[in-house]
Amino acid sequence: MTTTEKRTMLTIVTESVIENMLLADLDRLGVRGYTVTDARGRGSRGVRDANWDEAANIRIEVICTRELAEALLAHLQKHYYANYAMVSCLHEVEVVRAEKF
């Protein structure tokens, strides 16, 4: 049987124009790794279809401890939510090789 451990995944969907700034913050705040993908969808600010760079969205996923995930979420709320289209959520996940996170 494979042994797993619980961690928390922080998922962030936001405007691609702030990707570099946001990733620098994640690095500075102690994130060991993340995944960035293009994202499309519709929400309170309308359709984000990536037909032009200013309308492109990204999805960032970070797996880490619950404490770090909550600190990251607080940072996002304080520094980004008022000025950028951004949604974030926390998920409890089970991982193999927990030392990587």
PDB file of N, CA and C in Angstrom:
ATOM      1  N   MET A   1       0.840  -1.184   0.000  1.00  0.00           N
ATOM      2  CA  MET A   1       0.000   0.000   0.000  1.00  0.00           C
ATOM      3  C   MET A   1       0.888   1.252   0.000  1.00  0.00           C
ATOM      4  N   THR A   2       0.521   2.224  -0.789  1.00  0.00           N
ATOM      5  CA  THR A   2       1.256   3.479  -0.873  1.00  0.00           C
ATOM      6  C   THR A   2       0.902   4.365   0.314  1.00  0.00           C
ATOM      7  N   THR A   3       1.920   4.928   0.935  1.00  0.00           N
ATOM      8  CA  THR A   3       1.709   5.816   2.063  1.00  0.00           C
ATOM      9  C   THR A   3       1.567   7.244   1.562  1.00  0.00           C
ATOM     10  N   THR A   4       0.535   7.938   2.017  1.00  0.00           N
ATOM     11  CA  THR A   4       0.319   9.332   1.649  1.00  0.00           C
ATOM     12  C   THR A   4       0.278  10.189   2.905  1.00  0.00           C
ATOM     13  N   GLU A   5       0.505  11.469   2.692  1.00  0.00           N
ATOM     14  CA  GLU A   5       0.376  12.436   3.772  1.00  0.00           C
ATOM     15  C   GLU A   5      -0.479  13.587   3.287  1.00  0.00           C
ATOM     16  N   LYS A   6      -1.168  14.219   4.224  1.00  0.00           N
ATOM     17  CA  LYS A   6      -2.038  15.336   3.875  1.00  0.00           C
ATOM     18  C   LYS A   6      -1.242  16.627   3.726  1.00  0.00           C
ATOM     19  N   ARG A   7      -1.580  17.376   2.716  1.00  0.00           N
ATOM     20  CA  ARG A   7      -1.057  18.708   2.478  1.00  0.00           C
ATOM     21  C   ARG A   7      -2.233  19.559   1.997  1.00  0.00           C
ATOM     22  N   THR A   8      -1.979  20.820   1.750  1.00  0.00           N
ATOM     23  CA  THR A   8      -3.019  21.720   1.249  1.00  0.00           C
ATOM     24  C   THR A   8      -2.601  22.245  -0.117  1.00  0.00           C
ATOM     25  N   MET A   9      -3.551  22.256  -1.046  1.00  0.00           N
ATOM     26  CA  MET A   9      -3.310  22.850  -2.355  1.00  0.00           C
ATOM     27  C   MET A   9      -3.993  24.206  -2.399  1.00  0.00           C
ATOM     28  N   LEU A  10      -3.223  25.220  -2.729  1.00  0.00           N
ATOM     29  CA  LEU A  10      -3.752  26.559  -2.977  1.00  0.00           C
ATOM     30  C   LEU A  10      -3.867  26.707  -4.482  1.00  0.00           C
ATOM     31  N   THR A  11      -5.065  26.982  -4.955  1.00  0.00           N
ATOM     32  CA  THR A  11      -5.291  27.233  -6.372  1.00  0.00           C
ATOM     33  C   THR A  11      -5.627  28.704  -6.542  1.00  0.00           C
ATOM     34  N   ILE A  12      -4.915  29.356  -7.460  1.00  0.00           N
ATOM     35  CA  ILE A  12      -5.104  30.777  -7.744  1.00  0.00           C
ATOM     36  C   ILE A  12      -5.425  30.917  -9.222  1.00  0.00           C
ATOM     37  N   VAL A  13      -6.502  31.591  -9.543  1.00  0.00           N
ATOM     38  CA  VAL A  13      -6.812  31.936 -10.933  1.00  0.00           C
ATOM     39  C   VAL A  13      -6.805  33.450 -11.007  1.00  0.00           C
ATOM     40  N   THR A  14      -5.979  33.985 -11.903  1.00  0.00           N
ATOM     41  CA  THR A  14      -5.809  35.430 -11.957  1.00  0.00           C
ATOM     42  C   THR A  14      -5.357  35.879 -13.339  1.00  0.00           C
ATOM     43  N   GLU A  15      -5.178  37.165 -13.477  1.00  0.00           N
ATOM     44  CA  GLU A  15      -4.738  37.775 -14.728  1.00  0.00           C
ATOM     45  C   GLU A  15      -3.282  37.413 -15.020  1.00  0.00           C
ATOM     46  N   SER A  16      -3.008  37.043 -16.249  1.00  0.00           N
ATOM     47  CA  SER A  16      -1.646  36.638 -16.605  1.00  0.00           C
ATOM     48  C   SER A  16      -0.651  37.792 -16.540  1.00  0.00           C
ATOM     49  N   VAL A  17      -1.115  39.025 -16.598  1.00  0.00           N
ATOM     50  CA  VAL A  17      -0.191  40.172 -16.590  1.00  0.00           C
ATOM     51  C   VAL A  17       0.565  40.307 -15.269  1.00  0.00           C
ATOM     52  N   ILE A  18       0.085  39.664 -14.207  1.00  0.00           N
ATOM     53  CA  ILE A  18       0.793  39.755 -12.924  1.00  0.00           C
ATOM     54  C   ILE A  18       1.562  38.479 -12.591  1.00  0.00           C
ATOM     55  N   GLU A  19       1.716  37.591 -13.558  1.00  0.00           N
ATOM     56  CA  GLU A  19       2.376  36.308 -13.300  1.00  0.00           C
ATOM     57  C   GLU A  19       3.760  36.472 -12.689  1.00  0.00           C
ATOM     58  N   ASN A  20       4.623  37.249 -13.297  1.00  0.00           N
ATOM     59  CA  ASN A  20       5.998  37.373 -12.798  1.00  0.00           C
ATOM     60  C   ASN A  20       6.043  37.958 -11.386  1.00  0.00           C
ATOM     61  N   MET A  21       5.233  38.955 -11.126  1.00  0.00           N
ATOM     62  CA  MET A  21       5.185  39.575  -9.805  1.00  0.00           C
ATOM     63  C   MET A  21       4.670  38.572  -8.762  1.00  0.00           C
ATOM     64  N   LEU A  22       3.640  37.846  -9.117  1.00  0.00           N
ATOM     65  CA  LEU A  22       3.047  36.881  -8.202  1.00  0.00           C
ATOM     66  C   LEU A  22       4.005  35.717  -7.922  1.00  0.00           C
ATOM     67  N   LEU A  23       4.683  35.212  -8.939  1.00  0.00           N
ATOM     68  CA  LEU A  23       5.625  34.114  -8.739  1.00  0.00           C
ATOM     69  C   LEU A  23       6.819  34.552  -7.893  1.00  0.00           C
ATOM     70  N   ALA A  24       7.256  35.786  -8.070  1.00  0.00           N
ATOM     71  CA  ALA A  24       8.340  36.309  -7.224  1.00  0.00           C
ATOM     72  C   ALA A  24       7.895  36.353  -5.761  1.00  0.00           C
ATOM     73  N   ASP A  25       6.648  36.749  -5.518  1.00  0.00           N
ATOM     74  CA  ASP A  25       6.114  36.755  -4.153  1.00  0.00           C
ATOM     75  C   ASP A  25       6.083  35.339  -3.581  1.00  0.00           C
ATOM     76  N   LEU A  26       5.614  34.375  -4.371  1.00  0.00           N
ATOM     77  CA  LEU A  26       5.547  32.996  -3.886  1.00  0.00           C
ATOM     78  C   LEU A  26       6.941  32.488  -3.511  1.00  0.00           C
ATOM     79  N   ASP A  27       7.925  32.770  -4.355  1.00  0.00           N
ATOM     80  CA  ASP A  27       9.301  32.362  -4.049  1.00  0.00           C
ATOM     81  C   ASP A  27       9.775  33.008  -2.754  1.00  0.00           C
ATOM     82  N   ARG A  28       9.539  34.304  -2.624  1.00  0.00           N
ATOM     83  CA  ARG A  28       9.981  35.049  -1.445  1.00  0.00           C
ATOM     84  C   ARG A  28       9.297  34.552  -0.171  1.00  0.00           C
ATOM     85  N   LEU A  29       8.062  34.070  -0.296  1.00  0.00           N
ATOM     86  CA  LEU A  29       7.295  33.629   0.866  1.00  0.00           C
ATOM     87  C   LEU A  29       7.551  32.162   1.229  1.00  0.00           C
ATOM     88  N   GLY A  30       8.448  31.494   0.494  1.00  0.00           N
ATOM     89  CA  GLY A  30       8.851  30.153   0.891  1.00  0.00           C
ATOM     90  C   GLY A  30       8.236  28.989   0.143  1.00  0.00           C
ATOM     91  N   VAL A  31       7.572  29.252  -0.970  1.00  0.00           N
ATOM     92  CA  VAL A  31       6.988  28.171  -1.758  1.00  0.00           C
ATOM     93  C   VAL A  31       8.116  27.384  -2.422  1.00  0.00           C
ATOM     94  N   ARG A  32       8.059  26.060  -2.323  1.00  0.00           N
ATOM     95  CA  ARG A  32       9.116  25.204  -2.876  1.00  0.00           C
ATOM     96  C   ARG A  32       8.875  24.860  -4.343  1.00  0.00           C
ATOM     97  N   GLY A  33       7.640  24.975  -4.808  1.00  0.00           N
ATOM     98  CA  GLY A  33       7.325  24.668  -6.201  1.00  0.00           C
ATOM     99  C   GLY A  33       5.887  25.045  -6.501  1.00  0.00           C
ATOM    100  N   TYR A  34       5.591  25.162  -7.784  1.00  0.00           N
ATOM    101  CA  TYR A  34       4.239  25.507  -8.217  1.00  0.00           C
ATOM    102  C   TYR A  34       4.063  25.068  -9.658  1.00  0.00           C
ATOM    103  N   THR A  35       2.825  25.018 -10.100  1.00  0.00           N
ATOM    104  CA  THR A  35       2.488  24.726 -11.483  1.00  0.00           C
ATOM    105  C   THR A  35       1.663  25.888 -12.009  1.00  0.00           C
ATOM    106  N   VAL A  36       2.006  26.363 -13.203  1.00  0.00           N
ATOM    107  CA  VAL A  36       1.281  27.462 -13.843  1.00  0.00           C
ATOM    108  C   VAL A  36       0.725  26.944 -15.168  1.00  0.00           C
ATOM    109  N   THR A  37      -0.573  27.154 -15.388  1.00  0.00           N
ATOM    110  CA  THR A  37      -1.212  26.781 -16.649  1.00  0.00           C
ATOM    111  C   THR A  37      -2.080  27.930 -17.136  1.00  0.00           C
ATOM    112  N   ASP A  38      -2.355  27.953 -18.426  1.00  0.00           N
ATOM    113  CA  ASP A  38      -3.288  28.929 -18.978  1.00  0.00           C
ATOM    114  C   ASP A  38      -4.691  28.558 -18.534  1.00  0.00           C
ATOM    115  N   ALA A  39      -5.540  29.561 -18.363  1.00  0.00           N
ATOM    116  CA  ALA A  39      -6.910  29.314 -17.905  1.00  0.00           C
ATOM    117  C   ALA A  39      -7.879  30.191 -18.683  1.00  0.00           C
ATOM    118  N   ARG A  40      -9.039  29.654 -18.952  1.00  0.00           N
ATOM    119  CA  ARG A  40     -10.115  30.407 -19.599  1.00  0.00           C
ATOM    120  C   ARG A  40     -11.394  30.165 -18.817  1.00  0.00           C
ATOM    121  N   GLY A  41     -12.329  31.103 -18.893  1.00  0.00           N
ATOM    122  CA  GLY A  41     -13.593  30.899 -18.200  1.00  0.00           C
ATOM    123  C   GLY A  41     -14.412  32.167 -18.127  1.00  0.00           C
ATOM    124  N   ARG A  42     -15.451  32.110 -17.316  1.00  0.00           N
ATOM    125  CA  ARG A  42     -16.340  33.241 -17.147  1.00  0.00           C
ATOM    126  C   ARG A  42     -16.628  33.399 -15.675  1.00  0.00           C
ATOM    127  N   GLY A  43     -16.664  34.644 -15.227  1.00  0.00           N
ATOM    128  CA  GLY A  43     -16.954  34.930 -13.835  1.00  0.00           C
ATOM    129  C   GLY A  43     -17.595  36.287 -13.701  1.00  0.00           C
ATOM    130  N   SER A  44     -17.483  36.879 -12.524  1.00  0.00           N
ATOM    131  CA  SER A  44     -18.145  38.154 -12.252  1.00  0.00           C
ATOM    132  C   SER A  44     -17.620  39.281 -13.133  1.00  0.00           C
ATOM    133  N   ARG A  45     -16.415  39.130 -13.662  1.00  0.00           N
ATOM    134  CA  ARG A  45     -15.844  40.169 -14.536  1.00  0.00           C
ATOM    135  C   ARG A  45     -16.002  39.828 -16.012  1.00  0.00           C
ATOM    136  N   GLY A  46     -16.845  38.851 -16.319  1.00  0.00           N
ATOM    137  CA  GLY A  46     -17.134  38.500 -17.708  1.00  0.00           C
ATOM    138  C   GLY A  46     -16.303  37.327 -18.193  1.00  0.00           C
ATOM    139  N   VAL A  47     -16.283  37.153 -19.508  1.00  0.00           N
ATOM    140  CA  VAL A  47     -15.567  36.053 -20.139  1.00  0.00           C
ATOM    141  C   VAL A  47     -14.094  36.411 -20.258  1.00  0.00           C
ATOM    142  N   ARG A  48     -13.242  35.486 -19.863  1.00  0.00           N
ATOM    143  CA  ARG A  48     -11.788  35.628 -20.013  1.00  0.00           C
ATOM    144  C   ARG A  48     -11.367  34.516 -20.968  1.00  0.00           C
ATOM    145  N   ASP A  49     -11.228  34.870 -22.263  1.00  0.00           N
ATOM    146  CA  ASP A  49     -10.998  33.842 -23.266  1.00  0.00           C
ATOM    147  C   ASP A  49      -9.596  33.828 -23.841  1.00  0.00           C
ATOM    148  N   ALA A  50      -8.725  34.718 -23.402  1.00  0.00           N
ATOM    149  CA  ALA A  50      -7.322  34.762 -23.822  1.00  0.00           C
ATOM    150  C   ALA A  50      -7.145  35.076 -25.295  1.00  0.00           C
ATOM    151  N   ASN A  51      -8.129  35.708 -25.931  1.00  0.00           N
ATOM    152  CA  ASN A  51      -7.972  36.105 -27.324  1.00  0.00           C
ATOM    153  C   ASN A  51      -6.935  37.204 -27.490  1.00  0.00           C
ATOM    154  N   TRP A  52      -6.633  37.914 -26.432  1.00  0.00           N
ATOM    155  CA  TRP A  52      -5.554  38.902 -26.445  1.00  0.00           C
ATOM    156  C   TRP A  52      -4.916  38.875 -25.073  1.00  0.00           C
ATOM    157  N   ASP A  53      -3.645  39.232 -24.997  1.00  0.00           N
ATOM    158  CA  ASP A  53      -2.869  39.051 -23.769  1.00  0.00           C
ATOM    159  C   ASP A  53      -3.495  39.686 -22.537  1.00  0.00           C
ATOM    160  N   GLU A  54      -4.098  40.854 -22.691  1.00  0.00           N
ATOM    161  CA  GLU A  54      -4.682  41.540 -21.541  1.00  0.00           C
ATOM    162  C   GLU A  54      -5.894  40.810 -20.980  1.00  0.00           C
ATOM    163  N   ALA A  55      -6.463  39.864 -21.742  1.00  0.00           N
ATOM    164  CA  ALA A  55      -7.624  39.110 -21.269  1.00  0.00           C
ATOM    165  C   ALA A  55      -7.259  37.691 -20.853  1.00  0.00           C
ATOM    166  N   ALA A  56      -5.973  37.372 -20.848  1.00  0.00           N
ATOM    167  CA  ALA A  56      -5.545  36.014 -20.518  1.00  0.00           C
ATOM    168  C   ALA A  56      -5.514  35.806 -19.007  1.00  0.00           C
ATOM    169  N   ASN A  57      -5.853  34.609 -18.605  1.00  0.00           N
ATOM    170  CA  ASN A  57      -5.789  34.198 -17.208  1.00  0.00           C
ATOM    171  C   ASN A  57      -4.798  33.064 -17.051  1.00  0.00           C
ATOM    172  N   ILE A  58      -4.284  32.908 -15.846  1.00  0.00           N
ATOM    173  CA  ILE A  58      -3.455  31.768 -15.493  1.00  0.00           C
ATOM    174  C   ILE A  58      -4.033  31.100 -14.257  1.00  0.00           C
ATOM    175  N   ARG A  59      -3.661  29.864 -14.093  1.00  0.00           N
ATOM    176  CA  ARG A  59      -4.025  29.099 -12.897  1.00  0.00           C
ATOM    177  C   ARG A  59      -2.719  28.641 -12.273  1.00  0.00           C
ATOM    178  N   ILE A  60      -2.522  28.964 -11.012  1.00  0.00           N
ATOM    179  CA  ILE A  60      -1.325  28.575 -10.283  1.00  0.00           C
ATOM    180  C   ILE A  60      -1.751  27.616  -9.178  1.00  0.00           C
ATOM    181  N   GLU A  61      -1.064  26.490  -9.095  1.00  0.00           N
ATOM    182  CA  GLU A  61      -1.343  25.527  -8.038  1.00  0.00           C
ATOM    183  C   GLU A  61      -0.081  25.344  -7.202  1.00  0.00           C
ATOM    184  N   VAL A  62      -0.266  25.443  -5.895  1.00  0.00           N
ATOM    185  CA  VAL A  62       0.826  25.285  -4.931  1.00  0.00           C
ATOM    186  C   VAL A  62       0.391  24.229  -3.927  1.00  0.00           C
ATOM    187  N   ILE A  63       1.234  23.217  -3.711  1.00  0.00           N
ATOM    188  CA  ILE A  63       0.975  22.233  -2.665  1.00  0.00           C
ATOM    189  C   ILE A  63       1.977  22.487  -1.551  1.00  0.00           C
ATOM    190  N   CYS A  64       1.468  22.645  -0.333  1.00  0.00           N
ATOM    191  CA  CYS A  64       2.326  23.005   0.797  1.00  0.00           C
ATOM    192  C   CYS A  64       1.614  22.660   2.098  1.00  0.00           C
ATOM    193  N   THR A  65       2.196  23.069   3.205  1.00  0.00           N
ATOM    194  CA  THR A  65       1.541  22.874   4.494  1.00  0.00           C
ATOM    195  C   THR A  65       0.330  23.796   4.592  1.00  0.00           C
ATOM    196  N   ARG A  66      -0.580  23.455   5.462  1.00  0.00           N
ATOM    197  CA  ARG A  66      -1.774  24.278   5.672  1.00  0.00           C
ATOM    198  C   ARG A  66      -1.389  25.677   6.139  1.00  0.00           C
ATOM    199  N   GLU A  67      -0.421  25.750   7.029  1.00  0.00           N
ATOM    200  CA  GLU A  67       0.006  27.045   7.572  1.00  0.00           C
ATOM    201  C   GLU A  67       0.540  27.961   6.471  1.00  0.00           C
ATOM    202  N   LEU A  68       1.367  27.419   5.589  1.00  0.00           N
ATOM    203  CA  LEU A  68       1.894  28.231   4.498  1.00  0.00           C
ATOM    204  C   LEU A  68       0.784  28.619   3.537  1.00  0.00           C
ATOM    205  N   ALA A  69      -0.123  27.698   3.226  1.00  0.00           N
ATOM    206  CA  ALA A  69      -1.232  27.995   2.316  1.00  0.00           C
ATOM    207  C   ALA A  69      -2.086  29.140   2.859  1.00  0.00           C
ATOM    208  N   GLU A  70      -2.367  29.124   4.144  1.00  0.00           N
ATOM    209  CA  GLU A  70      -3.164  30.193   4.745  1.00  0.00           C
ATOM    210  C   GLU A  70      -2.414  31.516   4.728  1.00  0.00           C
ATOM    211  N   ALA A  71      -1.107  31.495   4.960  1.00  0.00           N
ATOM    212  CA  ALA A  71      -0.300  32.722   4.896  1.00  0.00           C
ATOM    213  C   ALA A  71      -0.278  33.272   3.469  1.00  0.00           C
ATOM    214  N   LEU A  72      -0.153  32.391   2.490  1.00  0.00           N
ATOM    215  CA  LEU A  72      -0.172  32.831   1.085  1.00  0.00           C
ATOM    216  C   LEU A  72      -1.516  33.446   0.732  1.00  0.00           C
ATOM    217  N   LEU A  73      -2.590  32.810   1.151  1.00  0.00           N
ATOM    218  CA  LEU A  73      -3.926  33.325   0.874  1.00  0.00           C
ATOM    219  C   LEU A  73      -4.113  34.703   1.503  1.00  0.00           C
ATOM    220  N   ALA A  74      -3.645  34.898   2.716  1.00  0.00           N
ATOM    221  CA  ALA A  74      -3.734  36.209   3.366  1.00  0.00           C
ATOM    222  C   ALA A  74      -2.934  37.249   2.582  1.00  0.00           C
ATOM    223  N   HIS A  75      -1.764  36.868   2.089  1.00  0.00           N
ATOM    224  CA  HIS A  75      -0.940  37.779   1.284  1.00  0.00           C
ATOM    225  C   HIS A  75      -1.674  38.181   0.003  1.00  0.00           C
ATOM    226  N   LEU A  76      -2.274  37.210  -0.661  1.00  0.00           N
ATOM    227  CA  LEU A  76      -3.019  37.505  -1.893  1.00  0.00           C
ATOM    228  C   LEU A  76      -4.156  38.487  -1.619  1.00  0.00           C
ATOM    229  N   GLN A  77      -4.897  38.224  -0.564  1.00  0.00           N
ATOM    230  CA  GLN A  77      -6.018  39.105  -0.222  1.00  0.00           C
ATOM    231  C   GLN A  77      -5.536  40.520   0.066  1.00  0.00           C
ATOM    232  N   LYS A  78      -4.432  40.652   0.761  1.00  0.00           N
ATOM    233  CA  LYS A  78      -3.923  41.970   1.144  1.00  0.00           C
ATOM    234  C   LYS A  78      -3.333  42.737  -0.038  1.00  0.00           C
ATOM    235  N   HIS A  79      -2.632  42.041  -0.936  1.00  0.00           N
ATOM    236  CA  HIS A  79      -1.859  42.733  -1.965  1.00  0.00           C
ATOM    237  C   HIS A  79      -2.448  42.698  -3.377  1.00  0.00           C
ATOM    238  N   TYR A  80      -3.409  41.808  -3.645  1.00  0.00           N
ATOM    239  CA  TYR A  80      -3.872  41.653  -5.023  1.00  0.00           C
ATOM    240  C   TYR A  80      -5.381  41.783  -5.225  1.00  0.00           C
ATOM    241  N   TYR A  81      -6.150  41.327  -4.270  1.00  0.00           N
ATOM    242  CA  TYR A  81      -7.594  41.216  -4.496  1.00  0.00           C
ATOM    243  C   TYR A  81      -8.264  42.528  -4.894  1.00  0.00           C
ATOM    244  N   ALA A  82      -7.854  43.631  -4.348  1.00  0.00           N
ATOM    245  CA  ALA A  82      -8.520  44.911  -4.623  1.00  0.00           C
ATOM    246  C   ALA A  82      -8.283  45.407  -6.047  1.00  0.00           C
ATOM    247  N   ASN A  83      -7.173  44.998  -6.672  1.00  0.00           N
ATOM    248  CA  ASN A  83      -6.795  45.577  -7.958  1.00  0.00           C
ATOM    249  C   ASN A  83      -6.783  44.626  -9.138  1.00  0.00           C
ATOM    250  N   TYR A  84      -6.944  43.340  -8.899  1.00  0.00           N
ATOM    251  CA  TYR A  84      -6.853  42.366  -9.985  1.00  0.00           C
ATOM    252  C   TYR A  84      -7.994  41.357  -9.898  1.00  0.00           C
ATOM    253  N   ALA A  85      -8.367  40.827 -11.054  1.00  0.00           N
ATOM    254  CA  ALA A  85      -9.322  39.723 -11.083  1.00  0.00           C
ATOM    255  C   ALA A  85      -8.594  38.501 -10.539  1.00  0.00           C
ATOM    256  N   MET A  86      -9.040  37.995  -9.406  1.00  0.00           N
ATOM    257  CA  MET A  86      -8.355  36.870  -8.770  1.00  0.00           C
ATOM    258  C   MET A  86      -9.330  36.114  -7.885  1.00  0.00           C
ATOM    259  N   VAL A  87      -9.277  34.801  -7.999  1.00  0.00           N
ATOM    260  CA  VAL A  87      -9.988  33.928  -7.065  1.00  0.00           C
ATOM    261  C   VAL A  87      -8.989  32.884  -6.576  1.00  0.00           C
ATOM    262  N   SER A  88      -9.158  32.470  -5.351  1.00  0.00           N
ATOM    263  CA  SER A  88      -8.262  31.481  -4.760  1.00  0.00           C
ATOM    264  C   SER A  88      -9.079  30.535  -3.904  1.00  0.00           C
ATOM    265  N   CYS A  89      -8.606  29.315  -3.791  1.00  0.00           N
ATOM    266  CA  CYS A  89      -9.272  28.363  -2.907  1.00  0.00           C
ATOM    267  C   CYS A  89      -8.252  27.375  -2.373  1.00  0.00           C
ATOM    268  N   LEU A  90      -8.578  26.791  -1.240  1.00  0.00           N
ATOM    269  CA  LEU A  90      -7.733  25.797  -0.593  1.00  0.00           C
ATOM    270  C   LEU A  90      -8.426  24.443  -0.675  1.00  0.00           C
ATOM    271  N   HIS A  91      -7.624  23.398  -0.941  1.00  0.00           N
ATOM    272  CA  HIS A  91      -8.132  22.028  -1.003  1.00  0.00           C
ATOM    273  C   HIS A  91      -7.211  21.156  -0.175  1.00  0.00           C
ATOM    274  N   GLU A  92      -7.775  20.250   0.567  1.00  0.00           N
ATOM    275  CA  GLU A  92      -6.947  19.272   1.253  1.00  0.00           C
ATOM    276  C   GLU A  92      -6.647  18.153   0.255  1.00  0.00           C
ATOM    277  N   VAL A  93      -5.374  17.796   0.134  1.00  0.00           N
ATOM    278  CA  VAL A  93      -4.949  16.748  -0.795  1.00  0.00           C
ATOM    279  C   VAL A  93      -4.065  15.751  -0.068  1.00  0.00           C
ATOM    280  N   GLU A  94      -3.917  14.582  -0.652  1.00  0.00           N
ATOM    281  CA  GLU A  94      -3.000  13.583  -0.134  1.00  0.00           C
ATOM    282  C   GLU A  94      -1.900  13.386  -1.157  1.00  0.00           C
ATOM    283  N   VAL A  95      -0.660  13.408  -0.695  1.00  0.00           N
ATOM    284  CA  VAL A  95       0.474  13.330  -1.601  1.00  0.00           C
ATOM    285  C   VAL A  95       1.398  12.179  -1.227  1.00  0.00           C
ATOM    286  N   VAL A  96       2.106  11.709  -2.230  1.00  0.00           N
ATOM    287  CA  VAL A  96       3.198  10.769  -2.054  1.00  0.00           C
ATOM    288  C   VAL A  96       4.465  11.612  -2.117  1.00  0.00           C
ATOM    289  N   ARG A  97       5.508  11.230  -1.411  1.00  0.00           N
ATOM    290  CA  ARG A  97       6.762  11.995  -1.354  1.00  0.00           C
ATOM    291  C   ARG A  97       6.522  13.375  -0.743  1.00  0.00           C
ATOM    292  N   ALA A  98       5.924  13.374   0.412  1.00  0.00           N
ATOM    293  CA  ALA A  98       5.538  14.620   1.097  1.00  0.00           C
ATOM    294  C   ALA A  98       6.714  15.538   1.358  1.00  0.00           C
ATOM    295  N   GLU A  99       7.921  15.017   1.416  1.00  0.00           N
ATOM    296  CA  GLU A  99       9.082  15.860   1.660  1.00  0.00           C
ATOM    297  C   GLU A  99       9.303  16.872   0.537  1.00  0.00           C
ATOM    298  N   LYS A 100       8.728  16.664  -0.607  1.00  0.00           N
ATOM    299  CA  LYS A 100       8.858  17.611  -1.727  1.00  0.00           C
ATOM    300  C   LYS A 100       8.017  18.872  -1.498  1.00  0.00           C
ATOM    301  N   PHE A 101       7.077  18.803  -0.569  1.00  0.00           N
ATOM    302  CA  PHE A 101       6.148  19.913  -0.373  1.00  0.00           C
ATOM    303  C   PHE A 101       6.343  20.561   0.969  1.00  0.00           C
TER     304      PHE A 101
END
